[in-house]
């Protein structure tokens, strides 16, 4: 429950704190937060969304690397 609350608060902070407008980067930051909260499955989903929706972005390159690392650590 604490993880869910922390995730909701983090997303609310991103939404209201002058985000850059770079959705791929925002998703990447959220995925990193989810990893830190030990929510690997949600992090994977976010990384996959970045690859699907923003394949040519810098965030996609980083998301691909993180997905590979998460796969290795299974």
PDB file of N, CA and C in Angstrom:
ATOM      1  N   UNK A   1       0.825  -1.200   0.000  1.00  0.00           N
ATOM      2  CA  UNK A   1       0.000   0.000   0.000  1.00  0.00           C
ATOM      3  C   UNK A   1       0.865   1.257   0.000  1.00  0.00           C
ATOM      4  N   UNK A   2       1.967   1.210   0.742  1.00  0.00           N
ATOM      5  CA  UNK A   2       2.852   2.370   0.771  1.00  0.00           C
ATOM      6  C   UNK A   2       3.425   2.655  -0.600  1.00  0.00           C
ATOM      7  N   UNK A   3       3.746   1.568  -1.346  1.00  0.00           N
ATOM      8  CA  UNK A   3       4.291   1.752  -2.698  1.00  0.00           C
ATOM      9  C   UNK A   3       3.286   2.433  -3.614  1.00  0.00           C
ATOM     10  N   UNK A   4       2.040   2.005  -3.515  1.00  0.00           N
ATOM     11  CA  UNK A   4       1.000   2.599  -4.355  1.00  0.00           C
ATOM     12  C   UNK A   4       0.844   4.073  -4.028  1.00  0.00           C
ATOM     13  N   UNK A   5       0.783   4.379  -2.751  1.00  0.00           N
ATOM     14  CA  UNK A   5       0.649   5.771  -2.329  1.00  0.00           C
ATOM     15  C   UNK A   5       1.846   6.593  -2.789  1.00  0.00           C
ATOM     16  N   UNK A   6       3.042   6.049  -2.631  1.00  0.00           N
ATOM     17  CA  UNK A   6       4.241   6.761  -3.064  1.00  0.00           C
ATOM     18  C   UNK A   6       4.214   6.987  -4.562  1.00  0.00           C
ATOM     19  N   UNK A   7       3.777   5.992  -5.323  1.00  0.00           N
ATOM     20  CA  UNK A   7       3.694   6.126  -6.776  1.00  0.00           C
ATOM     21  C   UNK A   7       2.705   7.207  -7.179  1.00  0.00           C
ATOM     22  N   UNK A   8       1.555   7.200  -6.538  1.00  0.00           N
ATOM     23  CA  UNK A   8       0.530   8.204  -6.844  1.00  0.00           C
ATOM     24  C   UNK A   8       1.047   9.604  -6.517  1.00  0.00           C
ATOM     25  N   UNK A   9       1.699   9.732  -5.383  1.00  0.00           N
ATOM     26  CA  UNK A   9       2.245  11.041  -5.012  1.00  0.00           C
ATOM     27  C   UNK A   9       3.318  11.496  -5.990  1.00  0.00           C
ATOM     28  N   UNK A  10       4.183  10.583  -6.407  1.00  0.00           N
ATOM     29  CA  UNK A  10       5.249  10.913  -7.362  1.00  0.00           C
ATOM     30  C   UNK A  10       4.655  11.389  -8.681  1.00  0.00           C
ATOM     31  N   UNK A  11       3.667  10.675  -9.178  1.00  0.00           N
ATOM     32  CA  UNK A  11       3.035  11.055 -10.443  1.00  0.00           C
ATOM     33  C   UNK A  11       2.342  12.405 -10.301  1.00  0.00           C
ATOM     34  N   UNK A  12       1.698  12.625  -9.171  1.00  0.00           N
ATOM     35  CA  UNK A  12       1.045  13.926  -8.936  1.00  0.00           C
ATOM     36  C   UNK A  12       2.076  15.047  -8.900  1.00  0.00           C
ATOM     37  N   UNK A  13       3.216  14.795  -8.291  1.00  0.00           N
ATOM     38  CA  UNK A  13       4.273  15.808  -8.266  1.00  0.00           C
ATOM     39  C   UNK A  13       4.784  16.110  -9.662  1.00  0.00           C
ATOM     40  N   UNK A  14       4.987  15.077 -10.453  1.00  0.00           N
ATOM     41  CA  UNK A  14       5.433  15.294 -11.830  1.00  0.00           C
ATOM     42  C   UNK A  14       4.406  16.094 -12.623  1.00  0.00           C
ATOM     43  N   UNK A  15       3.148  15.763 -12.429  1.00  0.00           N
ATOM     44  CA  UNK A  15       2.089  16.439 -13.182  1.00  0.00           C
ATOM     45  C   UNK A  15       1.963  17.907 -12.807  1.00  0.00           C
ATOM     46  N   UNK A  16       2.235  18.227 -11.555  1.00  0.00           N
ATOM     47  CA  UNK A  16       2.003  19.597 -11.122  1.00  0.00           C
ATOM     48  C   UNK A  16       3.236  20.439 -10.896  1.00  0.00           C
ATOM     49  N   UNK A  17       4.398  19.920 -11.215  1.00  0.00           N
ATOM     50  CA  UNK A  17       5.606  20.657 -10.853  1.00  0.00           C
ATOM     51  C   UNK A  17       6.369  21.216 -12.045  1.00  0.00           C
ATOM     52  N   UNK A  18       5.657  21.688 -13.027  1.00  0.00           N
ATOM     53  CA  UNK A  18       6.346  22.294 -14.164  1.00  0.00           C
ATOM     54  C   UNK A  18       7.123  21.292 -14.985  1.00  0.00           C
ATOM     55  N   UNK A  19       6.493  20.207 -15.353  1.00  0.00           N
ATOM     56  CA  UNK A  19       7.144  19.180 -16.159  1.00  0.00           C
ATOM     57  C   UNK A  19       7.643  19.783 -17.460  1.00  0.00           C
ATOM     58  N   UNK A  20       8.604  19.126 -18.028  1.00  0.00           N
ATOM     59  CA  UNK A  20       9.267  19.651 -19.215  1.00  0.00           C
ATOM     60  C   UNK A  20       8.418  19.560 -20.469  1.00  0.00           C
ATOM     61  N   UNK A  21       7.371  18.744 -20.443  1.00  0.00           N
ATOM     62  CA  UNK A  21       6.597  18.528 -21.651  1.00  0.00           C
ATOM     63  C   UNK A  21       7.178  17.408 -22.487  1.00  0.00           C
ATOM     64  N   UNK A  22       8.273  16.825 -22.048  1.00  0.00           N
ATOM     65  CA  UNK A  22       8.899  15.709 -22.726  1.00  0.00           C
ATOM     66  C   UNK A  22       8.344  14.432 -22.110  1.00  0.00           C
ATOM     67  N   UNK A  23       7.284  13.918 -22.701  1.00  0.00           N
ATOM     68  CA  UNK A  23       6.573  12.773 -22.138  1.00  0.00           C
ATOM     69  C   UNK A  23       7.467  11.549 -22.000  1.00  0.00           C
ATOM     70  N   UNK A  24       8.323  11.300 -22.962  1.00  0.00           N
ATOM     71  CA  UNK A  24       9.215  10.136 -22.892  1.00  0.00           C
ATOM     72  C   UNK A  24      10.132  10.244 -21.679  1.00  0.00           C
ATOM     73  N   UNK A  25      10.678  11.418 -21.460  1.00  0.00           N
ATOM     74  CA  UNK A  25      11.569  11.614 -20.312  1.00  0.00           C
ATOM     75  C   UNK A  25      10.804  11.497 -18.996  1.00  0.00           C
ATOM     76  N   UNK A  26       9.593  12.020 -18.969  1.00  0.00           N
ATOM     77  CA  UNK A  26       8.773  11.917 -17.756  1.00  0.00           C
ATOM     78  C   UNK A  26       8.446  10.458 -17.440  1.00  0.00           C
ATOM     79  N   UNK A  27       8.111   9.688 -18.465  1.00  0.00           N
ATOM     80  CA  UNK A  27       7.843   8.265 -18.266  1.00  0.00           C
ATOM     81  C   UNK A  27       9.093   7.549 -17.760  1.00  0.00           C
ATOM     82  N   UNK A  28      10.241   7.920 -18.312  1.00  0.00           N
ATOM     83  CA  UNK A  28      11.482   7.294 -17.873  1.00  0.00           C
ATOM     84  C   UNK A  28      11.752   7.593 -16.400  1.00  0.00           C
ATOM     85  N   UNK A  29      11.565   8.820 -16.010  1.00  0.00           N
ATOM     86  CA  UNK A  29      11.770   9.191 -14.601  1.00  0.00           C
ATOM     87  C   UNK A  29      10.804   8.441 -13.685  1.00  0.00           C
ATOM     88  N   UNK A  30       9.572   8.291 -14.129  1.00  0.00           N
ATOM     89  CA  UNK A  30       8.594   7.546 -13.339  1.00  0.00           C
ATOM     90  C   UNK A  30       8.994   6.075 -13.242  1.00  0.00           C
ATOM     91  N   UNK A  31       9.473   5.512 -14.336  1.00  0.00           N
ATOM     92  CA  UNK A  31       9.921   4.116 -14.328  1.00  0.00           C
ATOM     93  C   UNK A  31      11.094   3.934 -13.376  1.00  0.00           C
ATOM     94  N   UNK A  32      12.009   4.890 -13.368  1.00  0.00           N
ATOM     95  CA  UNK A  32      13.136   4.808 -12.440  1.00  0.00           C
ATOM     96  C   UNK A  32      12.639   4.852 -10.996  1.00  0.00           C
ATOM     97  N   UNK A  33      11.683   5.710 -10.738  1.00  0.00           N
ATOM     98  CA  UNK A  33      11.095   5.782  -9.401  1.00  0.00           C
ATOM     99  C   UNK A  33      10.468   4.444  -9.028  1.00  0.00           C
ATOM    100  N   UNK A  34       9.746   3.846  -9.962  1.00  0.00           N
ATOM    101  CA  UNK A  34       9.113   2.553  -9.698  1.00  0.00           C
ATOM    102  C   UNK A  34      10.170   1.489  -9.379  1.00  0.00           C
ATOM    103  N   UNK A  35      11.289   1.526 -10.081  1.00  0.00           N
ATOM    104  CA  UNK A  35      12.374   0.591  -9.764  1.00  0.00           C
ATOM    105  C   UNK A  35      12.858   0.793  -8.332  1.00  0.00           C
ATOM    106  N   UNK A  36      13.050   2.037  -7.949  1.00  0.00           N
ATOM    107  CA  UNK A  36      13.512   2.334  -6.593  1.00  0.00           C
ATOM    108  C   UNK A  36      12.508   1.878  -5.544  1.00  0.00           C
ATOM    109  N   UNK A  37      11.241   1.853  -5.918  1.00  0.00           N
ATOM    110  CA  UNK A  37      10.189   1.403  -5.011  1.00  0.00           C
ATOM    111  C   UNK A  37      10.017  -0.115  -5.069  1.00  0.00           C
ATOM    112  N   UNK A  38      10.890  -0.775  -5.810  1.00  0.00           N
ATOM    113  CA  UNK A  38      10.861  -2.234  -5.966  1.00  0.00           C
ATOM    114  C   UNK A  38       9.627  -2.711  -6.710  1.00  0.00           C
ATOM    115  N   UNK A  39       9.102  -1.901  -7.601  1.00  0.00           N
ATOM    116  CA  UNK A  39       7.954  -2.258  -8.425  1.00  0.00           C
ATOM    117  C   UNK A  39       8.458  -2.489  -9.850  1.00  0.00           C
ATOM    118  N   UNK A  40       9.182  -3.590 -10.010  1.00  0.00           N
ATOM    119  CA  UNK A  40       9.835  -3.886 -11.284  1.00  0.00           C
ATOM    120  C   UNK A  40       8.841  -4.061 -12.426  1.00  0.00           C
ATOM    121  N   UNK A  41       7.700  -4.675 -12.141  1.00  0.00           N
ATOM    122  CA  UNK A  41       6.730  -4.927 -13.209  1.00  0.00           C
ATOM    123  C   UNK A  41       6.196  -3.624 -13.795  1.00  0.00           C
ATOM    124  N   UNK A  42       5.859  -2.668 -12.948  1.00  0.00           N
ATOM    125  CA  UNK A  42       5.360  -1.393 -13.468  1.00  0.00           C
ATOM    126  C   UNK A  42       6.475  -0.644 -14.197  1.00  0.00           C
ATOM    127  N   UNK A  43       7.686  -0.721 -13.682  1.00  0.00           N
ATOM    128  CA  UNK A  43       8.821  -0.092 -14.367  1.00  0.00           C
ATOM    129  C   UNK A  43       8.973  -0.673 -15.765  1.00  0.00           C
ATOM    130  N   UNK A  44       8.892  -1.995 -15.878  1.00  0.00           N
ATOM    131  CA  UNK A  44       8.994  -2.643 -17.203  1.00  0.00           C
ATOM    132  C   UNK A  44       7.912  -2.133 -18.142  1.00  0.00           C
ATOM    133  N   UNK A  45       6.693  -2.041 -17.621  1.00  0.00           N
ATOM    134  CA  UNK A  45       5.579  -1.565 -18.452  1.00  0.00           C
ATOM    135  C   UNK A  45       5.849  -0.156 -18.967  1.00  0.00           C
ATOM    136  N   UNK A  46       6.374   0.697 -18.107  1.00  0.00           N
ATOM    137  CA  UNK A  46       6.662   2.073 -18.512  1.00  0.00           C
ATOM    138  C   UNK A  46       7.795   2.121 -19.533  1.00  0.00           C
ATOM    139  N   UNK A  47       8.844   1.336 -19.318  1.00  0.00           N
ATOM    140  CA  UNK A  47       9.939   1.287 -20.285  1.00  0.00           C
ATOM    141  C   UNK A  47       9.441   0.791 -21.641  1.00  0.00           C
ATOM    142  N   UNK A  48       8.584  -0.222 -21.629  1.00  0.00           N
ATOM    143  CA  UNK A  48       8.028  -0.734 -22.877  1.00  0.00           C
ATOM    144  C   UNK A  48       7.159   0.310 -23.568  1.00  0.00           C
ATOM    145  N   UNK A  49       6.424   1.081 -22.781  1.00  0.00           N
ATOM    146  CA  UNK A  49       5.602   2.152 -23.357  1.00  0.00           C
ATOM    147  C   UNK A  49       6.478   3.202 -24.041  1.00  0.00           C
ATOM    148  N   UNK A  50       7.583   3.535 -23.421  1.00  0.00           N
ATOM    149  CA  UNK A  50       8.515   4.495 -24.023  1.00  0.00           C
ATOM    150  C   UNK A  50       9.006   3.971 -25.364  1.00  0.00           C
ATOM    151  N   UNK A  51       9.406   2.700 -25.398  1.00  0.00           N
ATOM    152  CA  UNK A  51       9.906   2.111 -26.648  1.00  0.00           C
ATOM    153  C   UNK A  51       8.835   2.088 -27.731  1.00  0.00           C
ATOM    154  N   UNK A  52       7.603   1.825 -27.322  1.00  0.00           N
ATOM    155  CA  UNK A  52       6.499   1.741 -28.272  1.00  0.00           C
ATOM    156  C   UNK A  52       6.081   3.119 -28.794  1.00  0.00           C
ATOM    157  N   UNK A  53       5.969   4.085 -27.878  1.00  0.00           N
ATOM    158  CA  UNK A  53       5.422   5.396 -28.232  1.00  0.00           C
ATOM    159  C   UNK A  53       6.474   6.416 -28.690  1.00  0.00           C
ATOM    160  N   UNK A  54       7.707   6.257 -28.219  1.00  0.00           N
ATOM    161  CA  UNK A  54       8.756   7.242 -28.513  1.00  0.00           C
ATOM    162  C   UNK A  54      10.049   6.528 -28.916  1.00  0.00           C
ATOM    163  N   UNK A  55      10.008   5.701 -29.947  1.00  0.00           N
ATOM    164  CA  UNK A  55      11.143   4.826 -30.286  1.00  0.00           C
ATOM    165  C   UNK A  55      12.429   5.551 -30.675  1.00  0.00           C
ATOM    166  N   UNK A  56      12.339   6.780 -31.117  1.00  0.00           N
ATOM    167  CA  UNK A  56      13.537   7.503 -31.565  1.00  0.00           C
ATOM    168  C   UNK A  56      14.074   8.483 -30.530  1.00  0.00           C
ATOM    169  N   UNK A  57      13.504   8.450 -29.337  1.00  0.00           N
ATOM    170  CA  UNK A  57      13.918   9.394 -28.301  1.00  0.00           C
ATOM    171  C   UNK A  57      15.149   8.894 -27.552  1.00  0.00           C
ATOM    172  N   UNK A  58      15.828   9.812 -26.893  1.00  0.00           N
ATOM    173  CA  UNK A  58      16.942   9.430 -26.022  1.00  0.00           C
ATOM    174  C   UNK A  58      16.438   8.543 -24.887  1.00  0.00           C
ATOM    175  N   UNK A  59      15.234   8.826 -24.423  1.00  0.00           N
ATOM    176  CA  UNK A  59      14.656   8.024 -23.339  1.00  0.00           C
ATOM    177  C   UNK A  59      14.453   6.577 -23.790  1.00  0.00           C
ATOM    178  N   UNK A  60      14.156   6.363 -25.070  1.00  0.00           N
ATOM    179  CA  UNK A  60      13.974   5.000 -25.573  1.00  0.00           C
ATOM    180  C   UNK A  60      15.282   4.215 -25.495  1.00  0.00           C
ATOM    181  N   UNK A  61      16.380   4.866 -25.801  1.00  0.00           N
ATOM    182  CA  UNK A  61      17.681   4.193 -25.697  1.00  0.00           C
ATOM    183  C   UNK A  61      17.951   3.786 -24.252  1.00  0.00           C
ATOM    184  N   UNK A  62      17.673   4.692 -23.336  1.00  0.00           N
ATOM    185  CA  UNK A  62      17.888   4.405 -21.919  1.00  0.00           C
ATOM    186  C   UNK A  62      16.901   3.339 -21.425  1.00  0.00           C
ATOM    187  N   UNK A  63      15.660   3.415 -21.886  1.00  0.00           N
ATOM    188  CA  UNK A  63      14.649   2.434 -21.490  1.00  0.00           C
ATOM    189  C   UNK A  63      15.036   1.038 -21.971  1.00  0.00           C
ATOM    190  N   UNK A  64      15.552   0.956 -23.174  1.00  0.00           N
ATOM    191  CA  UNK A  64      15.996  -0.333 -23.708  1.00  0.00           C
ATOM    192  C   UNK A  64      17.113  -0.916 -22.834  1.00  0.00           C
ATOM    193  N   UNK A  65      18.041  -0.080 -22.448  1.00  0.00           N
ATOM    194  CA  UNK A  65      19.139  -0.533 -21.588  1.00  0.00           C
ATOM    195  C   UNK A  65      18.612  -1.012 -20.237  1.00  0.00           C
ATOM    196  N   UNK A  66      17.660  -0.270 -19.667  1.00  0.00           N
ATOM    197  CA  UNK A  66      17.105  -0.677 -18.372  1.00  0.00           C
ATOM    198  C   UNK A  66      16.334  -1.990 -18.483  1.00  0.00           C
ATOM    199  N   UNK A  67      15.573  -2.154 -19.574  1.00  0.00           N
ATOM    200  CA  UNK A  67      14.842  -3.404 -19.761  1.00  0.00           C
ATOM    201  C   UNK A  67      15.798  -4.586 -19.842  1.00  0.00           C
ATOM    202  N   UNK A  68      16.902  -4.403 -20.553  1.00  0.00           N
ATOM    203  CA  UNK A  68      17.905  -5.477 -20.654  1.00  0.00           C
ATOM    204  C   UNK A  68      18.476  -5.806 -19.279  1.00  0.00           C
ATOM    205  N   UNK A  69      18.748  -4.781 -18.505  1.00  0.00           N
ATOM    206  CA  UNK A  69      19.299  -4.984 -17.163  1.00  0.00           C
ATOM    207  C   UNK A  69      18.284  -5.684 -16.257  1.00  0.00           C
ATOM    208  N   UNK A  70      17.036  -5.276 -16.323  1.00  0.00           N
ATOM    209  CA  UNK A  70      16.003  -5.926 -15.520  1.00  0.00           C
ATOM    210  C   UNK A  70      15.838  -7.393 -15.926  1.00  0.00           C
ATOM    211  N   UNK A  71      15.952  -7.662 -17.203  1.00  0.00           N
ATOM    212  CA  UNK A  71      15.848  -9.031 -17.680  1.00  0.00           C
ATOM    213  C   UNK A  71      16.995  -9.900 -17.142  1.00  0.00           C
ATOM    214  N   UNK A  72      18.200  -9.330 -17.112  1.00  0.00           N
ATOM    215  CA  UNK A  72      19.359 -10.054 -16.607  1.00  0.00           C
ATOM    216  C   UNK A  72      19.240 -10.345 -15.118  1.00  0.00           C
ATOM    217  N   UNK A  73      18.603  -9.448 -14.393  1.00  0.00           N
ATOM    218  CA  UNK A  73      18.541  -9.586 -12.935  1.00  0.00           C
ATOM    219  C   UNK A  73      17.355 -10.445 -12.466  1.00  0.00           C
ATOM    220  N   UNK A  74      16.629 -11.018 -13.384  1.00  0.00           N
ATOM    221  CA  UNK A  74      15.493 -11.874 -13.003  1.00  0.00           C
ATOM    222  C   UNK A  74      15.963 -13.130 -12.325  1.00  0.00           C
TER     223      UNK A  74
END
